[in-house]
Amino acid sequence: MKNYMKRALIIFLPPLFQLACTANQEPVEFYQIISHEASSGEWVIIRENKQEHSRVKITAVCDFYKLANHESVVGPDSCNLIVGQNLVPNRLQTRPGEFLDIWQSGDKLFITKGKGADRIHQQFSIRSAKVLSQ
């Protein structure tokens, strides 16, 4: 085998193997949309992490909703999650389905879904987070 082919295998084989292994794994983390109270604008979301064996109840209010390059829609009525829906992050798109990223920073929860002209950004302010199980 030529030297350049050996180098290519050494460089590309480990990431390909890792990608193949992660593609068939069950998601470690997901978010379940439990309820939405229109009068207060509060969303109740359960974050479950199977690896950490934890469940956290998050109560949050929408800050804004933004579709692609359109203007942001601001306010507690602007987000459009679906009660009963499970949101499973698919950051690397190793599973079928569209791009979905969910992350927290301080008292903010960010959800980004889709690509290009279909990309949706939603931001929430977390009012409370309660550990249900650990």
Protein backbone atom coordinates (compact mmCIF):
# COMPACT_ATOMS: atom_id res chain seq x y z
CA MET A 1 0.00 0.00 0.00
CA LYS A 2 1.33 3.40 -0.93
CA ASN A 3 2.43 5.76 1.85
CA TYR A 4 -0.17 8.43 1.05
CA MET A 5 -2.95 5.82 1.24
CA LYS A 6 -1.77 4.69 4.67
CA ARG A 7 -1.76 8.29 5.88
CA ALA A 8 -5.25 8.84 4.51
CA LEU A 9 -6.52 5.77 6.37
CA ILE A 10 -4.86 6.92 9.59
CA ILE A 11 -6.41 10.38 9.25
CA PHE A 12 -9.91 9.52 8.04
CA LEU A 13 -10.68 6.11 9.53
CA PRO A 14 -11.07 7.14 13.21
CA PRO A 15 -13.59 9.96 12.51
CA LEU A 16 -15.55 7.73 10.13
CA PHE A 17 -15.63 4.94 12.73
CA GLN A 18 -16.78 7.37 15.42
CA LEU A 19 -19.50 8.76 13.14
CA ALA A 20 -20.72 5.26 12.30
CA CYS A 21 -20.88 4.32 15.97
CA THR A 22 -22.75 7.45 17.06
CA ALA A 23 -25.23 7.30 14.19
CA ASN A 24 -26.99 4.23 15.61
CA GLN A 25 -26.98 5.24 19.26
CA GLU A 26 -30.08 6.35 21.10
CA PRO A 27 -30.10 10.04 21.97
CA VAL A 28 -28.61 10.82 25.37
CA GLU A 29 -30.64 13.98 25.92
CA PHE A 30 -34.08 15.21 24.93
CA TYR A 31 -36.57 17.92 25.86
CA GLN A 32 -40.28 17.24 26.21
CA ILE A 33 -42.68 20.15 25.84
CA ILE A 34 -45.15 19.59 28.70
CA SER A 35 -47.38 22.66 28.64
CA HIS A 36 -47.89 26.25 27.57
CA GLU A 37 -49.95 28.72 29.56
CA ALA A 38 -51.08 31.44 27.13
CA SER A 39 -52.12 33.92 29.84
CA SER A 40 -48.69 33.95 31.53
CA GLY A 41 -46.66 32.95 28.47
CA GLU A 42 -44.94 30.21 30.48
CA TRP A 43 -43.68 27.03 28.89
CA VAL A 44 -42.95 23.91 30.96
CA ILE A 45 -40.21 21.76 29.47
CA ILE A 46 -38.68 18.57 30.89
CA ARG A 47 -35.00 18.04 30.07
CA GLU A 48 -34.01 14.40 30.39
CA ASN A 49 -30.42 13.18 30.22
CA LYS A 50 -30.12 9.37 30.14
CA GLN A 51 -26.36 9.41 30.65
CA GLU A 52 -26.61 11.51 33.83
CA HIS A 53 -29.91 9.81 34.84
CA SER A 54 -31.42 13.23 35.45
CA ARG A 55 -34.70 14.98 34.76
CA VAL A 56 -35.12 18.73 35.17
CA LYS A 57 -38.36 20.68 34.96
CA ILE A 58 -37.74 24.03 33.26
CA THR A 59 -40.27 26.84 33.37
CA ALA A 60 -39.48 29.50 30.78
CA VAL A 61 -40.94 32.45 28.89
CA CYS A 62 -40.26 33.19 25.22
CA ASP A 63 -38.01 36.18 24.46
CA PHE A 64 -38.13 35.98 20.67
CA TYR A 65 -38.73 33.87 17.55
CA LYS A 66 -36.74 34.43 14.35
CA LEU A 67 -37.18 32.74 10.96
CA ALA A 68 -34.03 32.86 8.80
CA ASN A 69 -33.28 36.47 7.73
CA HIS A 70 -36.68 37.85 8.72
CA GLU A 71 -37.15 40.29 11.57
CA SER A 72 -37.41 38.79 15.06
CA VAL A 73 -40.83 38.52 16.63
CA VAL A 74 -40.40 39.59 20.25
CA GLY A 75 -42.49 38.75 23.28
CA PRO A 76 -43.95 35.89 25.28
CA ASP A 77 -46.43 34.96 22.50
CA SER A 78 -43.82 34.64 19.75
CA CYS A 79 -42.40 31.09 20.17
CA ASN A 80 -44.10 28.13 18.52
CA LEU A 81 -43.23 24.90 20.33
CA ILE A 82 -45.78 22.09 20.20
CA VAL A 83 -47.08 20.73 23.51
CA GLY A 84 -46.38 16.98 23.69
CA GLN A 85 -43.45 17.19 21.28
CA ASN A 86 -40.06 15.67 22.12
CA LEU A 87 -37.11 17.73 20.91
CA VAL A 88 -34.02 15.58 20.41
CA PRO A 89 -30.84 17.52 19.61
CA ASN A 90 -29.39 16.51 16.23
CA ARG A 91 -26.41 18.88 16.10
CA LEU A 92 -24.24 16.75 13.82
CA GLN A 93 -27.18 15.30 11.88
CA THR A 94 -25.96 11.78 12.61
CA ARG A 95 -29.59 10.63 12.81
CA PRO A 96 -32.31 11.11 10.21
CA GLY A 97 -34.09 14.44 10.45
CA GLU A 98 -33.21 18.07 10.40
CA PHE A 99 -30.63 20.03 12.35
CA LEU A 100 -31.73 20.73 15.92
CA ASP A 101 -29.60 22.34 18.61
CA ILE A 102 -30.75 23.09 22.15
CA TRP A 103 -28.51 24.65 24.76
CA GLN A 104 -28.56 26.64 27.95
CA SER A 105 -26.39 29.54 29.03
CA GLY A 106 -27.14 31.06 32.41
CA ASP A 107 -30.87 31.77 32.55
CA LYS A 108 -31.37 31.46 28.77
CA LEU A 109 -32.53 28.48 26.71
CA PHE A 110 -31.80 28.53 22.98
CA ILE A 111 -33.41 26.34 20.32
CA THR A 112 -32.18 26.38 16.71
CA LYS A 113 -33.88 24.20 14.12
CA GLY A 114 -33.53 23.69 10.36
CA LYS A 115 -31.24 25.16 7.70
CA GLY A 116 -31.07 28.16 5.41
CA ALA A 117 -34.44 29.76 4.64
CA ASP A 118 -36.12 27.32 7.04
CA ARG A 119 -33.83 27.99 10.03
CA ILE A 120 -35.71 28.99 13.18
CA HIS A 121 -34.13 30.52 16.29
CA GLN A 122 -36.08 30.69 19.53
CA GLN A 123 -34.82 32.11 22.82
CA PHE A 124 -36.39 31.67 26.25
CA SER A 125 -35.73 33.20 29.68
CA ILE A 126 -35.69 30.50 32.33
CA ARG A 127 -37.81 31.42 35.33
CA SER A 128 -37.13 28.24 37.29
CA ALA A 129 -35.40 24.89 36.99
CA LYS A 130 -36.22 22.07 39.39
CA VAL A 131 -34.41 18.71 39.53
CA LEU A 132 -37.03 15.95 39.42
CA SER A 133 -34.66 12.98 39.56
CA GLN A 134 -30.97 12.33 39.61
